[in-house]
Amino acid sequence: MRDLTPRIVLELLAHEGLVREAYRDSTGVWTWSVGITDASGHRVYPRYKDNPQPLSHCLEVYVWLLRTRYLPQVIAAFGAYDPAEHELGAALSFHWNTGAIARASWVGRFTSGDRDGARASFLSWARPLAVAARRAREAALLFDGQWSGDGSALVYAVSKPSYHPAGGQRQDLREAVDALLSPPSASSAASPEPALAPKPATPSGGGPASRPNWFGRLFGS
């Protein structure tokens, strides 16, 4: 398995949550959608400040970044090893969260067959402590094939003037993700950056270094 599937995309979303307009994370970094910052290569601030986007655009940019920036790095780290769907999903979630797939020692142990050593190494990536529960769920997926997502994710509003996420509402995103991945063109790793959706006439709040700044930092997901 060397491409995204709806199940992989939804599993990662379940760990993350989604915010439709720009917010400040726990360190003050402007962040948007599924934990995306300017460091991802997609400009967030001021583009999405006070400018909530349709859910479809939030997901489109997220999937575009997954496919064009993160998936190739995970595939390269696995080398000749061809991961199963659950293995690829767990590795992508780990890399989106840490940005460290190229230097994580668990990868080499995993592909060489040392699953006990790989599990111990994988679970050691638990700093800050808030991500420990997430790492355990990813490990259960990687080593035991146990998916934790149900196709839904929390979608948060932005509280102002603090610009912090608030009031998460759970939404079923299976249909939206299926629609994004179903066209034949979606399999192209060279797909262009999604265009910015038009800014609404009356915006409302509605209630990392080189990687996305993970939402789990705030909520321990």
N, C-alpha and C. Protein backbone atom coordinates (compact mmCIF):
# COMPACT_ATOMS: atom_id res chain seq x y z
N MET A 1 0.84 -1.18 0.00
CA MET A 1 0.00 0.00 0.00
C MET A 1 0.89 1.25 0.00
N ARG A 2 0.74 2.07 -1.04
CA ARG A 2 1.60 3.25 -1.15
C ARG A 2 0.81 4.50 -1.55
N ASP A 3 -0.46 4.52 -1.19
CA ASP A 3 -1.28 5.69 -1.46
C ASP A 3 -2.30 5.85 -0.34
N LEU A 4 -2.94 7.00 -0.31
CA LEU A 4 -3.95 7.28 0.70
C LEU A 4 -5.23 6.50 0.43
N THR A 5 -5.91 6.15 1.49
CA THR A 5 -7.25 5.58 1.41
C THR A 5 -8.15 6.40 2.33
N PRO A 6 -9.46 6.35 2.12
CA PRO A 6 -10.35 7.08 3.01
C PRO A 6 -10.15 6.70 4.48
N ARG A 7 -9.90 5.43 4.73
CA ARG A 7 -9.74 4.98 6.12
C ARG A 7 -8.51 5.61 6.77
N ILE A 8 -7.42 5.71 6.01
CA ILE A 8 -6.20 6.35 6.53
C ILE A 8 -6.45 7.82 6.81
N VAL A 9 -7.05 8.52 5.88
CA VAL A 9 -7.32 9.96 6.03
C VAL A 9 -8.22 10.22 7.23
N LEU A 10 -9.24 9.38 7.40
CA LEU A 10 -10.19 9.56 8.49
C LEU A 10 -9.57 9.21 9.84
N GLU A 11 -8.70 8.21 9.87
CA GLU A 11 -8.06 7.83 11.13
C GLU A 11 -7.22 8.99 11.67
N LEU A 12 -6.45 9.61 10.79
CA LEU A 12 -5.62 10.74 11.20
C LEU A 12 -6.49 11.92 11.65
N LEU A 13 -7.56 12.15 10.94
CA LEU A 13 -8.49 13.22 11.30
C LEU A 13 -9.07 13.01 12.69
N ALA A 14 -9.35 11.76 13.04
CA ALA A 14 -9.92 11.47 14.35
C ALA A 14 -8.96 11.83 15.47
N HIS A 15 -7.65 11.69 15.22
CA HIS A 15 -6.65 12.08 16.21
C HIS A 15 -6.56 13.59 16.35
N GLU A 16 -6.79 14.29 15.25
CA GLU A 16 -6.49 15.71 15.15
C GLU A 16 -7.61 16.66 15.49
N GLY A 17 -8.77 16.47 14.91
CA GLY A 17 -9.79 17.50 14.93
C GLY A 17 -9.55 18.50 13.81
N LEU A 18 -10.48 19.43 13.62
CA LEU A 18 -10.41 20.37 12.50
C LEU A 18 -10.99 21.71 12.94
N VAL A 19 -10.35 22.80 12.48
CA VAL A 19 -10.82 24.16 12.75
C VAL A 19 -10.91 24.89 11.42
N ARG A 20 -12.05 25.48 11.11
CA ARG A 20 -12.29 26.03 9.78
C ARG A 20 -11.67 27.40 9.55
N GLU A 21 -11.25 28.09 10.61
CA GLU A 21 -10.54 29.37 10.44
C GLU A 21 -9.28 29.36 11.30
N ALA A 22 -8.39 30.31 11.06
CA ALA A 22 -7.11 30.32 11.75
C ALA A 22 -7.29 30.54 13.25
N TYR A 23 -6.49 29.81 14.02
CA TYR A 23 -6.49 29.95 15.47
C TYR A 23 -5.04 29.95 15.96
N ARG A 24 -4.85 30.35 17.21
CA ARG A 24 -3.53 30.30 17.83
C ARG A 24 -3.42 29.00 18.63
N ASP A 25 -2.36 28.24 18.38
CA ASP A 25 -2.18 27.02 19.15
C ASP A 25 -1.61 27.36 20.53
N SER A 26 -1.26 26.34 21.30
CA SER A 26 -0.82 26.56 22.68
C SER A 26 0.48 27.34 22.77
N THR A 27 1.23 27.43 21.66
CA THR A 27 2.48 28.20 21.65
C THR A 27 2.33 29.53 20.91
N GLY A 28 1.09 29.83 20.46
CA GLY A 28 0.84 31.10 19.79
C GLY A 28 0.98 31.06 18.28
N VAL A 29 1.27 29.89 17.72
CA VAL A 29 1.45 29.77 16.27
C VAL A 29 0.08 29.73 15.58
N TRP A 30 -0.06 30.53 14.52
CA TRP A 30 -1.31 30.52 13.76
C TRP A 30 -1.45 29.18 13.03
N THR A 31 -2.58 28.55 13.23
CA THR A 31 -2.82 27.20 12.76
C THR A 31 -4.22 27.14 12.17
N TRP A 32 -4.46 26.16 11.30
CA TRP A 32 -5.76 26.09 10.61
C TRP A 32 -6.04 24.66 10.17
N SER A 33 -7.30 24.37 9.96
CA SER A 33 -7.75 23.08 9.42
C SER A 33 -7.29 21.94 10.32
N VAL A 34 -6.58 20.97 9.77
CA VAL A 34 -6.14 19.80 10.54
C VAL A 34 -4.71 20.04 11.04
N GLY A 35 -4.54 21.06 11.89
CA GLY A 35 -3.24 21.37 12.46
C GLY A 35 -2.21 21.92 11.50
N ILE A 36 -2.63 22.62 10.47
CA ILE A 36 -1.72 23.11 9.43
C ILE A 36 -1.20 24.50 9.80
N THR A 37 0.12 24.71 9.66
CA THR A 37 0.73 26.02 9.87
C THR A 37 1.43 26.47 8.59
N ASP A 38 1.93 27.70 8.58
CA ASP A 38 2.67 28.20 7.42
C ASP A 38 3.87 27.31 7.09
N ALA A 39 4.44 26.66 8.12
CA ALA A 39 5.62 25.82 7.92
C ALA A 39 5.34 24.62 7.02
N SER A 40 4.08 24.30 6.82
CA SER A 40 3.73 23.17 5.95
C SER A 40 3.94 23.49 4.48
N GLY A 41 4.06 24.79 4.16
CA GLY A 41 4.16 25.21 2.78
C GLY A 41 2.87 25.83 2.26
N HIS A 42 1.81 25.72 3.04
CA HIS A 42 0.53 26.34 2.68
C HIS A 42 0.31 27.51 3.62
N ARG A 43 0.15 28.72 3.08
CA ARG A 43 0.06 29.92 3.91
C ARG A 43 -1.26 29.95 4.68
N VAL A 44 -1.15 30.08 5.99
CA VAL A 44 -2.31 30.08 6.89
C VAL A 44 -2.66 31.49 7.35
N TYR A 45 -1.64 32.26 7.76
CA TYR A 45 -1.86 33.62 8.28
C TYR A 45 -1.31 34.65 7.32
N PRO A 46 -2.08 35.67 6.99
CA PRO A 46 -3.42 36.02 7.50
C PRO A 46 -4.56 35.43 6.67
N ARG A 47 -4.26 34.56 5.78
CA ARG A 47 -5.24 34.04 4.82
C ARG A 47 -6.54 33.58 5.49
N TYR A 48 -6.43 32.85 6.59
CA TYR A 48 -7.63 32.26 7.20
C TYR A 48 -8.04 32.91 8.51
N LYS A 49 -7.39 34.01 8.89
CA LYS A 49 -7.80 34.72 10.11
C LYS A 49 -9.14 35.41 9.85
N ASP A 50 -10.11 35.13 10.71
CA ASP A 50 -11.48 35.67 10.56
C ASP A 50 -12.07 35.31 9.20
N ASN A 51 -11.65 34.21 8.66
CA ASN A 51 -12.09 33.81 7.32
C ASN A 51 -12.36 32.30 7.30
N PRO A 52 -13.42 31.86 7.96
CA PRO A 52 -13.73 30.42 8.00
C PRO A 52 -13.99 29.88 6.60
N GLN A 53 -13.43 28.72 6.34
CA GLN A 53 -13.53 28.10 5.03
C GLN A 53 -14.54 26.95 5.04
N PRO A 54 -15.09 26.64 3.87
CA PRO A 54 -15.96 25.47 3.79
C PRO A 54 -15.20 24.22 4.23
N LEU A 55 -15.90 23.30 4.80
CA LEU A 55 -15.28 22.06 5.25
C LEU A 55 -14.55 21.37 4.09
N SER A 56 -15.12 21.46 2.90
CA SER A 56 -14.52 20.81 1.74
C SER A 56 -13.13 21.36 1.44
N HIS A 57 -12.95 22.68 1.60
CA HIS A 57 -11.63 23.28 1.34
C HIS A 57 -10.63 22.89 2.42
N CYS A 58 -11.08 22.89 3.67
CA CYS A 58 -10.20 22.46 4.77
C CYS A 58 -9.68 21.04 4.52
N LEU A 59 -10.56 20.16 4.11
CA LEU A 59 -10.17 18.77 3.87
C LEU A 59 -9.31 18.64 2.62
N GLU A 60 -9.62 19.44 1.60
CA GLU A 60 -8.86 19.37 0.35
C GLU A 60 -7.39 19.73 0.58
N VAL A 61 -7.14 20.79 1.35
CA VAL A 61 -5.76 21.20 1.62
C VAL A 61 -5.07 20.14 2.48
N TYR A 62 -5.76 19.62 3.46
CA TYR A 62 -5.22 18.57 4.33
C TYR A 62 -4.80 17.35 3.52
N VAL A 63 -5.67 16.88 2.64
CA VAL A 63 -5.35 15.70 1.83
C VAL A 63 -4.21 16.01 0.85
N TRP A 64 -4.22 17.21 0.30
CA TRP A 64 -3.14 17.62 -0.61
C TRP A 64 -1.79 17.58 0.09
N LEU A 65 -1.73 18.12 1.31
CA LEU A 65 -0.47 18.09 2.05
C LEU A 65 -0.07 16.67 2.43
N LEU A 66 -1.04 15.88 2.85
CA LEU A 66 -0.74 14.49 3.17
C LEU A 66 -0.10 13.77 1.99
N ARG A 67 -0.71 13.97 0.82
CA ARG A 67 -0.25 13.23 -0.36
C ARG A 67 1.06 13.76 -0.92
N THR A 68 1.22 15.08 -0.96
CA THR A 68 2.39 15.65 -1.64
C THR A 68 3.59 15.86 -0.73
N ARG A 69 3.38 16.05 0.57
CA ARG A 69 4.50 16.35 1.48
C ARG A 69 4.84 15.20 2.40
N TYR A 70 3.84 14.54 2.94
CA TYR A 70 4.08 13.56 4.00
C TYR A 70 4.13 12.12 3.51
N LEU A 71 3.26 11.75 2.61
CA LEU A 71 3.25 10.39 2.09
C LEU A 71 4.58 10.01 1.44
N PRO A 72 5.17 10.85 0.57
CA PRO A 72 6.45 10.47 -0.04
C PRO A 72 7.55 10.23 0.99
N GLN A 73 7.56 11.00 2.06
CA GLN A 73 8.59 10.84 3.09
C GLN A 73 8.39 9.54 3.86
N VAL A 74 7.16 9.17 4.10
CA VAL A 74 6.88 7.91 4.79
C VAL A 74 7.25 6.72 3.90
N ILE A 75 6.88 6.80 2.63
CA ILE A 75 7.23 5.72 1.70
C ILE A 75 8.74 5.57 1.59
N ALA A 76 9.45 6.69 1.53
CA ALA A 76 10.92 6.65 1.46
C ALA A 76 11.51 6.00 2.71
N ALA A 77 10.94 6.29 3.87
CA ALA A 77 11.44 5.72 5.11
C ALA A 77 11.25 4.21 5.15
N PHE A 78 10.16 3.71 4.60
CA PHE A 78 9.90 2.27 4.56
C PHE A 78 10.81 1.55 3.57
N GLY A 79 11.33 2.27 2.59
CA GLY A 79 12.23 1.66 1.62
C GLY A 79 11.56 0.59 0.80
N ALA A 80 12.17 -0.58 0.73
CA ALA A 80 11.63 -1.68 -0.07
C ALA A 80 10.43 -2.35 0.59
N TYR A 81 10.22 -2.08 1.86
CA TYR A 81 9.10 -2.70 2.57
C TYR A 81 7.79 -2.09 2.09
N ASP A 82 6.84 -2.94 1.72
CA ASP A 82 5.54 -2.48 1.24
C ASP A 82 4.53 -2.56 2.38
N PRO A 83 4.19 -1.43 3.00
CA PRO A 83 3.32 -1.47 4.17
C PRO A 83 1.88 -1.82 3.83
N ALA A 84 1.22 -2.51 4.74
CA ALA A 84 -0.22 -2.72 4.63
C ALA A 84 -0.93 -1.41 4.93
N GLU A 85 -2.22 -1.37 4.65
CA GLU A 85 -2.98 -0.13 4.84
C GLU A 85 -2.86 0.37 6.28
N HIS A 86 -3.02 -0.52 7.26
CA HIS A 86 -2.99 -0.07 8.66
C HIS A 86 -1.59 0.39 9.06
N GLU A 87 -0.56 -0.21 8.48
CA GLU A 87 0.82 0.20 8.79
C GLU A 87 1.12 1.59 8.21
N LEU A 88 0.67 1.80 6.97
CA LEU A 88 0.87 3.11 6.35
C LEU A 88 0.09 4.18 7.10
N GLY A 89 -1.13 3.87 7.52
CA GLY A 89 -1.93 4.83 8.25
C GLY A 89 -1.30 5.24 9.56
N ALA A 90 -0.77 4.27 10.29
CA ALA A 90 -0.12 4.57 11.57
C ALA A 90 1.14 5.40 11.36
N ALA A 91 1.93 5.05 10.36
CA ALA A 91 3.17 5.77 10.10
C ALA A 91 2.89 7.21 9.65
N LEU A 92 1.87 7.40 8.84
CA LEU A 92 1.51 8.75 8.41
C LEU A 92 1.04 9.61 9.59
N SER A 93 0.25 9.02 10.48
CA SER A 93 -0.21 9.75 11.65
C SER A 93 0.98 10.14 12.52
N PHE A 94 1.90 9.22 12.71
CA PHE A 94 3.11 9.50 13.49
C PHE A 94 3.90 10.64 12.86
N HIS A 95 4.09 10.60 11.54
CA HIS A 95 4.91 11.60 10.87
C HIS A 95 4.22 12.96 10.85
N TRP A 96 2.93 13.00 10.64
CA TRP A 96 2.19 14.27 10.65
C TRP A 96 2.32 14.92 12.03
N ASN A 97 2.35 14.10 13.06
CA ASN A 97 2.44 14.60 14.43
C ASN A 97 3.85 15.00 14.84
N THR A 98 4.85 14.25 14.40
CA THR A 98 6.22 14.46 14.87
C THR A 98 7.16 15.06 13.82
N GLY A 99 6.88 14.81 12.54
CA GLY A 99 7.79 15.22 11.48
C GLY A 99 9.10 14.46 11.50
N ALA A 100 9.13 13.29 12.14
CA ALA A 100 10.40 12.62 12.42
C ALA A 100 10.55 11.25 11.79
N ILE A 101 9.77 10.94 10.78
CA ILE A 101 9.82 9.58 10.21
C ILE A 101 11.22 9.22 9.70
N ALA A 102 11.98 10.19 9.20
CA ALA A 102 13.29 9.90 8.61
C ALA A 102 14.34 9.56 9.66
N ARG A 103 14.12 9.97 10.90
CA ARG A 103 15.13 9.72 11.94
C ARG A 103 14.63 8.83 13.07
N ALA A 104 13.42 8.34 12.98
CA ALA A 104 12.86 7.49 14.03
C ALA A 104 13.41 6.07 13.91
N SER A 105 14.04 5.57 14.96
CA SER A 105 14.69 4.25 14.90
C SER A 105 13.70 3.11 14.80
N TRP A 106 12.44 3.34 15.18
CA TRP A 106 11.47 2.25 15.12
C TRP A 106 11.23 1.78 13.69
N VAL A 107 11.42 2.65 12.71
CA VAL A 107 11.14 2.28 11.32
C VAL A 107 12.06 1.15 10.86
N GLY A 108 13.37 1.32 11.09
CA GLY A 108 14.32 0.29 10.69
C GLY A 108 14.09 -1.02 11.42
N ARG A 109 13.77 -0.95 12.70
CA ARG A 109 13.48 -2.15 13.47
C ARG A 109 12.23 -2.84 12.95
N PHE A 110 11.24 -2.03 12.61
CA PHE A 110 9.98 -2.58 12.10
C PHE A 110 10.19 -3.30 10.77
N THR A 111 10.86 -2.66 9.83
CA THR A 111 11.03 -3.26 8.51
C THR A 111 12.00 -4.45 8.52
N SER A 112 12.84 -4.53 9.56
CA SER A 112 13.77 -5.67 9.65
C SER A 112 13.17 -6.85 10.41
N GLY A 113 11.95 -6.66 10.94
CA GLY A 113 11.28 -7.76 11.62
C GLY A 113 11.36 -7.73 13.13
N ASP A 114 12.05 -6.75 13.70
CA ASP A 114 12.16 -6.64 15.16
C ASP A 114 10.96 -5.88 15.68
N ARG A 115 9.82 -6.53 15.74
CA ARG A 115 8.59 -5.84 16.10
C ARG A 115 8.55 -5.44 17.58
N ASP A 116 9.13 -6.25 18.47
CA ASP A 116 9.16 -5.87 19.88
C ASP A 116 10.00 -4.62 20.09
N GLY A 117 11.17 -4.59 19.47
CA GLY A 117 12.03 -3.42 19.58
C GLY A 117 11.39 -2.21 18.94
N ALA A 118 10.71 -2.42 17.80
CA ALA A 118 10.05 -1.32 17.11
C ALA A 118 8.92 -0.74 17.96
N ARG A 119 8.16 -1.61 18.61
CA ARG A 119 7.05 -1.13 19.44
C ARG A 119 7.56 -0.28 20.61
N ALA A 120 8.61 -0.77 21.28
CA ALA A 120 9.17 -0.03 22.40
C ALA A 120 9.70 1.33 21.95
N SER A 121 10.37 1.36 20.80
CA SER A 121 10.90 2.60 20.27
C SER A 121 9.78 3.54 19.86
N PHE A 122 8.75 3.00 19.24
CA PHE A 122 7.61 3.81 18.80
C PHE A 122 6.94 4.48 19.99
N LEU A 123 6.69 3.72 21.04
CA LEU A 123 5.99 4.25 22.21
C LEU A 123 6.83 5.25 23.00
N SER A 124 8.14 5.27 22.75
CA SER A 124 8.99 6.23 23.46
C SER A 124 8.79 7.65 22.95
N TRP A 125 8.16 7.79 21.78
CA TRP A 125 7.87 9.12 21.23
C TRP A 125 6.60 9.65 21.89
N ALA A 126 6.70 9.98 23.15
CA ALA A 126 5.52 10.39 23.91
C ALA A 126 5.73 11.70 24.64
N ARG A 127 6.44 12.63 24.01
CA ARG A 127 6.62 13.96 24.58
C ARG A 127 6.09 15.00 23.62
N PRO A 128 5.27 15.94 24.12
CA PRO A 128 4.83 16.05 25.50
C PRO A 128 3.92 14.89 25.91
N LEU A 129 3.71 14.74 27.21
CA LEU A 129 2.94 13.61 27.74
C LEU A 129 1.54 13.56 27.15
N ALA A 130 1.04 14.71 26.71
CA ALA A 130 -0.32 14.77 26.16
C ALA A 130 -0.50 13.87 24.94
N VAL A 131 0.58 13.53 24.24
CA VAL A 131 0.45 12.71 23.04
C VAL A 131 0.59 11.22 23.33
N ALA A 132 0.80 10.83 24.60
CA ALA A 132 1.03 9.43 24.93
C ALA A 132 -0.16 8.55 24.53
N ALA A 133 -1.38 9.01 24.78
CA ALA A 133 -2.56 8.23 24.44
C ALA A 133 -2.68 8.07 22.93
N ARG A 134 -2.36 9.12 22.21
CA ARG A 134 -2.38 9.03 20.75
C ARG A 134 -1.35 8.04 20.25
N ARG A 135 -0.14 8.10 20.83
CA ARG A 135 0.91 7.19 20.41
C ARG A 135 0.51 5.75 20.65
N ALA A 136 -0.19 5.49 21.75
CA ALA A 136 -0.66 4.13 22.05
C ALA A 136 -1.68 3.66 21.01
N ARG A 137 -2.56 4.56 20.58
CA ARG A 137 -3.54 4.19 19.55
C ARG A 137 -2.86 3.93 18.22
N GLU A 138 -1.86 4.76 17.89
CA GLU A 138 -1.11 4.54 16.65
C GLU A 138 -0.36 3.21 16.70
N ALA A 139 0.21 2.87 17.86
CA ALA A 139 0.93 1.61 18.01
C ALA A 139 -0.02 0.43 17.85
N ALA A 140 -1.22 0.55 18.41
CA ALA A 140 -2.21 -0.53 18.26
C ALA A 140 -2.58 -0.73 16.79
N LEU A 141 -2.59 0.36 16.03
CA LEU A 141 -2.88 0.26 14.60
C LEU A 141 -1.70 -0.34 13.86
N LEU A 142 -0.49 0.17 14.12
CA LEU A 142 0.70 -0.27 13.41
C LEU A 142 1.00 -1.74 13.65
N PHE A 143 0.98 -2.18 14.89
CA PHE A 143 1.43 -3.53 15.24
C PHE A 143 0.30 -4.56 15.33
N ASP A 144 -0.93 -4.09 15.63
CA ASP A 144 -2.03 -5.03 15.84
C ASP A 144 -3.17 -4.87 14.85
N GLY A 145 -3.09 -3.85 13.99
CA GLY A 145 -4.15 -3.64 13.00
C GLY A 145 -5.45 -3.15 13.59
N GLN A 146 -5.40 -2.49 14.75
CA GLN A 146 -6.60 -2.03 15.44
C GLN A 146 -6.87 -0.55 15.11
N TRP A 147 -7.87 -0.31 14.27
CA TRP A 147 -8.25 1.06 13.92
C TRP A 147 -9.07 1.65 15.07
N SER A 148 -8.87 2.92 15.36
CA SER A 148 -9.59 3.56 16.46
C SER A 148 -10.65 4.54 15.99
N GLY A 149 -10.56 5.03 14.76
CA GLY A 149 -11.50 6.01 14.26
C GLY A 149 -12.81 5.39 13.80
N ASP A 150 -13.87 6.20 13.78
CA ASP A 150 -15.18 5.72 13.32
C ASP A 150 -15.69 6.54 12.15
N GLY A 151 -14.81 7.33 11.53
CA GLY A 151 -15.21 8.17 10.40
C GLY A 151 -15.64 9.56 10.79
N SER A 152 -15.55 9.87 12.09
CA SER A 152 -15.94 11.21 12.54
C SER A 152 -14.74 11.91 13.16
N ALA A 153 -14.88 13.23 13.34
CA ALA A 153 -13.85 14.03 13.99
C ALA A 153 -14.51 15.23 14.63
N LEU A 154 -13.84 15.81 15.61
CA LEU A 154 -14.34 17.02 16.25
C LEU A 154 -14.01 18.23 15.38
N VAL A 155 -14.99 19.05 15.10
CA VAL A 155 -14.81 20.29 14.35
C VAL A 155 -15.03 21.44 15.32
N TYR A 156 -14.00 22.27 15.48
CA TYR A 156 -14.00 23.31 16.50
C TYR A 156 -14.29 24.68 15.92
N ALA A 157 -14.92 25.51 16.74
CA ALA A 157 -15.06 26.93 16.45
C ALA A 157 -13.83 27.65 17.02
N VAL A 158 -13.78 28.98 16.84
CA VAL A 158 -12.67 29.79 17.36
C VAL A 158 -13.23 30.85 18.30
N SER A 159 -12.72 30.85 19.52
CA SER A 159 -13.13 31.83 20.51
C SER A 159 -12.29 33.10 20.36
N LYS A 160 -12.95 34.25 20.33
CA LYS A 160 -12.25 35.52 20.13
C LYS A 160 -12.52 36.45 21.31
N PRO A 161 -11.55 37.26 21.71
CA PRO A 161 -10.34 37.66 20.98
C PRO A 161 -9.12 36.76 21.20
N SER A 162 -9.25 35.68 21.95
CA SER A 162 -8.07 34.84 22.21
C SER A 162 -7.64 34.04 20.98
N TYR A 163 -8.58 33.78 20.07
CA TYR A 163 -8.33 32.96 18.88
C TYR A 163 -7.87 31.55 19.26
N HIS A 164 -8.48 31.00 20.29
CA HIS A 164 -8.23 29.62 20.68
C HIS A 164 -9.42 28.76 20.26
N PRO A 165 -9.19 27.49 19.92
CA PRO A 165 -10.31 26.60 19.55
C PRO A 165 -11.24 26.39 20.73
N ALA A 166 -12.53 26.21 20.42
CA ALA A 166 -13.52 26.01 21.48
C ALA A 166 -14.74 25.30 20.90
N GLY A 167 -15.45 24.63 21.78
CA GLY A 167 -16.76 24.09 21.41
C GLY A 167 -16.75 23.07 20.30
N GLY A 168 -15.94 22.04 20.41
CA GLY A 168 -15.88 21.02 19.37
C GLY A 168 -17.17 20.26 19.20
N GLN A 169 -17.58 20.11 17.95
CA GLN A 169 -18.78 19.33 17.61
C GLN A 169 -18.37 18.17 16.73
N ARG A 170 -18.81 16.95 17.08
CA ARG A 170 -18.41 15.78 16.30
C ARG A 170 -19.22 15.71 15.01
N GLN A 171 -18.51 15.50 13.90
CA GLN A 171 -19.15 15.38 12.59
C GLN A 171 -18.67 14.14 11.87
N ASP A 172 -19.58 13.50 11.16
CA ASP A 172 -19.24 12.36 10.33
C ASP A 172 -18.65 12.89 9.03
N LEU A 173 -17.39 12.54 8.74
CA LEU A 173 -16.69 13.09 7.58
C LEU A 173 -16.46 12.06 6.49
N ARG A 174 -17.07 10.91 6.61
CA ARG A 174 -16.82 9.84 5.64
C ARG A 174 -17.23 10.23 4.22
N GLU A 175 -18.38 10.82 4.06
CA GLU A 175 -18.84 11.19 2.73
C GLU A 175 -17.94 12.25 2.11
N ALA A 176 -17.53 13.24 2.90
CA ALA A 176 -16.67 14.32 2.39
C ALA A 176 -15.31 13.78 1.97
N VAL A 177 -14.74 12.88 2.76
CA VAL A 177 -13.43 12.32 2.42
C VAL A 177 -13.53 11.39 1.22
N ASP A 178 -14.58 10.59 1.16
CA ASP A 178 -14.78 9.72 0.00
C ASP A 178 -14.85 10.53 -1.29
N ALA A 179 -15.52 11.67 -1.23
CA ALA A 179 -15.66 12.52 -2.42
C ALA A 179 -14.32 13.06 -2.87
N LEU A 180 -13.43 13.36 -1.91
CA LEU A 180 -12.12 13.89 -2.26
C LEU A 180 -11.22 12.85 -2.88
N LEU A 181 -11.34 11.61 -2.44
CA LEU A 181 -10.42 10.57 -2.90
C LEU A 181 -10.94 9.76 -4.07
N SER A 182 -12.20 9.94 -4.43
CA SER A 182 -12.78 9.10 -5.48
C SER A 182 -12.38 9.47 -6.90
N PRO A 183 -12.16 10.77 -7.26
CA PRO A 183 -11.80 11.07 -8.66
C PRO A 183 -10.45 10.46 -9.02
N PRO A 184 -10.28 9.98 -10.27
CA PRO A 184 -8.99 9.41 -10.67
C PRO A 184 -7.83 10.38 -10.49
N SER A 185 -8.09 11.69 -10.67
CA SER A 185 -7.02 12.68 -10.56
C SER A 185 -6.49 12.79 -9.15
N ALA A 186 -7.24 12.30 -8.17
CA ALA A 186 -6.81 12.43 -6.78
C ALA A 186 -5.58 11.60 -6.49
N SER A 187 -5.26 10.63 -7.33
CA SER A 187 -4.12 9.77 -7.07
C SER A 187 -2.81 10.38 -7.55
N SER A 188 -2.87 11.56 -8.13
CA SER A 188 -1.66 12.19 -8.64
C SER A 188 -0.91 12.92 -7.55
N ALA A 189 0.35 12.54 -7.31
CA ALA A 189 1.16 13.19 -6.27
C ALA A 189 1.58 14.58 -6.71
N ALA A 190 1.41 14.90 -7.99
CA ALA A 190 1.84 16.20 -8.51
C ALA A 190 0.68 17.18 -8.58
N SER A 191 -0.44 16.86 -7.93
CA SER A 191 -1.60 17.74 -8.00
C SER A 191 -1.26 19.12 -7.46
N PRO A 192 -1.80 20.19 -8.09
CA PRO A 192 -1.46 21.55 -7.66
C PRO A 192 -2.09 21.89 -6.32
N GLU A 193 -1.56 22.94 -5.70
CA GLU A 193 -2.11 23.40 -4.42
C GLU A 193 -3.55 23.84 -4.62
N PRO A 194 -4.46 23.40 -3.73
CA PRO A 194 -5.86 23.79 -3.86
C PRO A 194 -6.03 25.30 -3.81
N ALA A 195 -6.92 25.82 -4.65
CA ALA A 195 -7.17 27.26 -4.67
C ALA A 195 -7.93 27.67 -3.43
N LEU A 196 -7.72 28.91 -3.00
CA LEU A 196 -8.41 29.45 -1.84
C LEU A 196 -9.89 29.64 -2.15
N ALA A 197 -10.73 29.17 -1.25
CA ALA A 197 -12.16 29.38 -1.41
C ALA A 197 -12.48 30.86 -1.21
N PRO A 198 -13.51 31.39 -1.87
CA PRO A 198 -13.85 32.80 -1.72
C PRO A 198 -14.14 33.15 -0.26
N LYS A 199 -13.74 34.35 0.14
CA LYS A 199 -14.00 34.81 1.51
C LYS A 199 -15.46 35.19 1.64
N PRO A 200 -16.15 34.68 2.68
CA PRO A 200 -17.56 35.03 2.86
C PRO A 200 -17.73 36.52 3.12
N ALA A 201 -18.90 37.03 2.78
CA ALA A 201 -19.14 38.46 2.93
C ALA A 201 -19.11 38.88 4.39
N THR A 202 -19.60 38.01 5.29
CA THR A 202 -19.61 38.34 6.71
C THR A 202 -19.00 37.19 7.49
N PRO A 203 -17.68 37.21 7.68
CA PRO A 203 -17.03 36.11 8.39
C PRO A 203 -17.54 36.01 9.82
N SER A 204 -17.58 34.77 10.33
CA SER A 204 -17.97 34.58 11.71
C SER A 204 -17.15 33.47 12.32
N GLY A 205 -16.96 33.52 13.63
CA GLY A 205 -16.17 32.51 14.32
C GLY A 205 -16.93 31.22 14.51
N GLY A 206 -18.29 31.26 14.54
CA GLY A 206 -19.05 30.03 14.65
C GLY A 206 -18.96 29.46 16.04
N GLY A 207 -19.19 30.16 16.89
CA GLY A 207 -19.28 29.64 18.26
C GLY A 207 -18.03 29.99 19.04
N PRO A 208 4.48 22.49 12.43
CA PRO A 208 5.52 22.37 13.42
C PRO A 208 6.74 22.83 12.73
N ALA A 209 7.76 24.00 13.25
CA ALA A 209 9.00 23.99 12.47
C ALA A 209 8.68 23.55 11.05
N SER A 210 8.92 22.32 10.64
CA SER A 210 8.74 21.89 9.27
C SER A 210 7.52 21.01 9.11
N ARG A 211 6.57 21.09 10.03
CA ARG A 211 5.43 20.21 9.96
C ARG A 211 4.21 20.95 10.49
N PRO A 212 2.99 20.42 10.23
CA PRO A 212 1.82 21.02 10.83
C PRO A 212 1.93 21.04 12.35
N ASN A 213 1.39 22.08 12.96
CA ASN A 213 1.46 22.23 14.41
C ASN A 213 0.28 21.50 15.03
N TRP A 214 0.54 20.37 15.61
CA TRP A 214 -0.49 19.40 15.94
C TRP A 214 -1.50 19.88 16.95
N PHE A 215 -2.80 19.67 16.64
CA PHE A 215 -3.91 20.04 17.49
C PHE A 215 -3.85 19.29 18.82
N GLY A 216 -3.25 18.11 18.81
CA GLY A 216 -3.16 17.32 20.02
C GLY A 216 -2.38 18.00 21.13
N ARG A 217 -1.54 18.98 20.79
CA ARG A 217 -0.83 19.72 21.83
C ARG A 217 -1.81 20.42 22.76
N LEU A 218 -2.90 20.89 22.18
CA LEU A 218 -3.86 21.62 23.00
C LEU A 218 -4.76 20.71 23.79
N PHE A 219 -5.20 19.62 23.16
CA PHE A 219 -6.24 18.81 23.77
C PHE A 219 -5.80 17.40 24.13
N GLY A 220 -4.54 17.07 23.88
CA GLY A 220 -4.04 15.76 24.26
C GLY A 220 -4.66 14.63 23.49
N SER A 221 -5.04 14.90 22.24
CA SER A 221 -5.67 13.86 21.42
C SER A 221 -4.66 12.89 20.90
